[in-house]
């Protein structure tokens, strides 16, 4: 609990210190202005989501393999 409060205070201080607006330039002349701390937060969560999506295929494959092995084990127990 105390660690969570301390982490929140540190992150809040970081957000206040980095509240100056920055401009993110896109293709075709598009740009977006927002505080640096907001852009960093969005980038962080985008990375988390991309990592989860990248792992999903492997996790689904492992789950299918586990279910197949559990069925095989169940069949072996019934036959013996």
C-alpha atoms as a PDB file:
ATOM      1  CA  UNK A   1       0.000   0.000   0.000  1.00  0.00           C
ATOM      2  CA  UNK A   2       2.750   2.443   0.945  1.00  0.00           C
ATOM      3  CA  UNK A   3       4.757   1.444  -2.140  1.00  0.00           C
ATOM      4  CA  UNK A   4       1.739   2.118  -4.367  1.00  0.00           C
ATOM      5  CA  UNK A   5       1.261   5.580  -2.882  1.00  0.00           C
ATOM      6  CA  UNK A   6       4.965   6.355  -3.290  1.00  0.00           C
ATOM      7  CA  UNK A   7       4.927   5.182  -6.916  1.00  0.00           C
ATOM      8  CA  UNK A   8       1.830   7.298  -7.602  1.00  0.00           C
ATOM      9  CA  UNK A   9       3.491  10.391  -6.110  1.00  0.00           C
ATOM     10  CA  UNK A  10       6.632   9.818  -8.185  1.00  0.00           C
ATOM     11  CA  UNK A  11       4.631   9.379 -11.399  1.00  0.00           C
ATOM     12  CA  UNK A  12       2.492  12.410 -10.624  1.00  0.00           C
ATOM     13  CA  UNK A  13       5.634  14.489 -10.073  1.00  0.00           C
ATOM     14  CA  UNK A  14       7.019  13.193 -13.382  1.00  0.00           C
ATOM     15  CA  UNK A  15       3.809  14.214 -15.157  1.00  0.00           C
ATOM     16  CA  UNK A  16       3.943  17.729 -13.667  1.00  0.00           C
ATOM     17  CA  UNK A  17       7.620  18.171 -14.541  1.00  0.00           C
ATOM     18  CA  UNK A  18       6.986  17.044 -18.156  1.00  0.00           C
ATOM     19  CA  UNK A  19       3.802  18.932 -18.881  1.00  0.00           C
ATOM     20  CA  UNK A  20       5.278  21.050 -21.679  1.00  0.00           C
ATOM     21  CA  UNK A  21       3.522  20.394 -24.980  1.00  0.00           C
ATOM     22  CA  UNK A  22       5.439  18.571 -27.698  1.00  0.00           C
ATOM     23  CA  UNK A  23       4.455  17.993 -31.287  1.00  0.00           C
ATOM     24  CA  UNK A  24       4.275  14.550 -32.857  1.00  0.00           C
ATOM     25  CA  UNK A  25       4.478  14.762 -36.647  1.00  0.00           C
ATOM     26  CA  UNK A  26       2.710  12.195 -38.823  1.00  0.00           C
ATOM     27  CA  UNK A  27       2.821  11.598 -42.547  1.00  0.00           C
ATOM     28  CA  UNK A  28       1.009  13.888 -44.983  1.00  0.00           C
ATOM     29  CA  UNK A  29       1.466  16.922 -42.767  1.00  0.00           C
ATOM     30  CA  UNK A  30      -0.620  15.712 -39.838  1.00  0.00           C
ATOM     31  CA  UNK A  31       0.614  16.506 -36.340  1.00  0.00           C
ATOM     32  CA  UNK A  32      -0.583  16.211 -32.756  1.00  0.00           C
ATOM     33  CA  UNK A  33       0.361  18.423 -29.816  1.00  0.00           C
ATOM     34  CA  UNK A  34       0.097  17.037 -26.301  1.00  0.00           C
ATOM     35  CA  UNK A  35       2.082  17.021 -23.043  1.00  0.00           C
ATOM     36  CA  UNK A  36       5.220  14.887 -23.114  1.00  0.00           C
ATOM     37  CA  UNK A  37       4.062  12.792 -20.165  1.00  0.00           C
ATOM     38  CA  UNK A  38       0.830  11.908 -22.012  1.00  0.00           C
ATOM     39  CA  UNK A  39       2.717  10.888 -25.143  1.00  0.00           C
ATOM     40  CA  UNK A  40       5.086   8.732 -23.107  1.00  0.00           C
ATOM     41  CA  UNK A  41       2.161   7.090 -21.337  1.00  0.00           C
ATOM     42  CA  UNK A  42       0.399   6.353 -24.630  1.00  0.00           C
ATOM     43  CA  UNK A  43       3.634   4.944 -26.091  1.00  0.00           C
ATOM     44  CA  UNK A  44       4.137   2.746 -23.025  1.00  0.00           C
ATOM     45  CA  UNK A  45       0.637   1.270 -23.168  1.00  0.00           C
ATOM     46  CA  UNK A  46       0.848   0.829 -26.948  1.00  0.00           C
ATOM     47  CA  UNK A  47       4.018  -1.218 -26.398  1.00  0.00           C
ATOM     48  CA  UNK A  48       2.286  -3.338 -23.764  1.00  0.00           C
ATOM     49  CA  UNK A  49      -0.654  -4.035 -26.087  1.00  0.00           C
ATOM     50  CA  UNK A  50       1.693  -4.875 -28.989  1.00  0.00           C
ATOM     51  CA  UNK A  51       3.616  -7.292 -26.759  1.00  0.00           C
ATOM     52  CA  UNK A  52       0.445  -9.032 -25.619  1.00  0.00           C
ATOM     53  CA  UNK A  53      -0.786  -9.373 -29.199  1.00  0.00           C
ATOM     54  CA  UNK A  54       2.602 -10.767 -30.256  1.00  0.00           C
ATOM     55  CA  UNK A  55       2.380 -13.452 -27.529  1.00  0.00           C
ATOM     56  CA  UNK A  56      -1.228 -14.492 -28.189  1.00  0.00           C
ATOM     57  CA  UNK A  57      -0.423 -16.925 -31.003  1.00  0.00           C
ATOM     58  CA  UNK A  58       2.077 -18.805 -28.866  1.00  0.00           C
ATOM     59  CA  UNK A  59      -0.263 -18.860 -25.858  1.00  0.00           C
ATOM     60  CA  UNK A  60      -3.160 -20.232 -27.913  1.00  0.00           C
ATOM     61  CA  UNK A  61      -0.912 -22.916 -29.422  1.00  0.00           C
ATOM     62  CA  UNK A  62       0.325 -23.929 -25.963  1.00  0.00           C
ATOM     63  CA  UNK A  63      -3.241 -24.072 -24.615  1.00  0.00           C
ATOM     64  CA  UNK A  64      -4.335 -26.359 -27.475  1.00  0.00           C
ATOM     65  CA  UNK A  65      -1.321 -28.621 -26.908  1.00  0.00           C
ATOM     66  CA  UNK A  66      -2.062 -28.766 -23.170  1.00  0.00           C
ATOM     67  CA  UNK A  67      -5.702 -29.717 -23.796  1.00  0.00           C
ATOM     68  CA  UNK A  68      -4.632 -32.430 -26.251  1.00  0.00           C
ATOM     69  CA  UNK A  69      -2.149 -33.846 -23.739  1.00  0.00           C
ATOM     70  CA  UNK A  70      -4.766 -33.791 -20.970  1.00  0.00           C
ATOM     71  CA  UNK A  71      -7.189 -35.711 -23.218  1.00  0.00           C
ATOM     72  CA  UNK A  72      -4.457 -38.212 -24.040  1.00  0.00           C
ATOM     73  CA  UNK A  73      -3.647 -38.670 -20.346  1.00  0.00           C
ATOM     74  CA  UNK A  74      -7.317 -39.177 -19.552  1.00  0.00           C
ATOM     75  CA  UNK A  75      -7.621 -41.818 -22.295  1.00  0.00           C
ATOM     76  CA  UNK A  76      -4.519 -43.621 -21.022  1.00  0.00           C
ATOM     77  CA  UNK A  77      -5.938 -43.710 -17.477  1.00  0.00           C
ATOM     78  CA  UNK A  78      -9.241 -45.109 -18.735  1.00  0.00           C
ATOM     79  CA  UNK A  79      -7.542 -47.839 -20.814  1.00  0.00           C
ATOM     80  CA  UNK A  80      -5.281 -49.074 -18.018  1.00  0.00           C
END
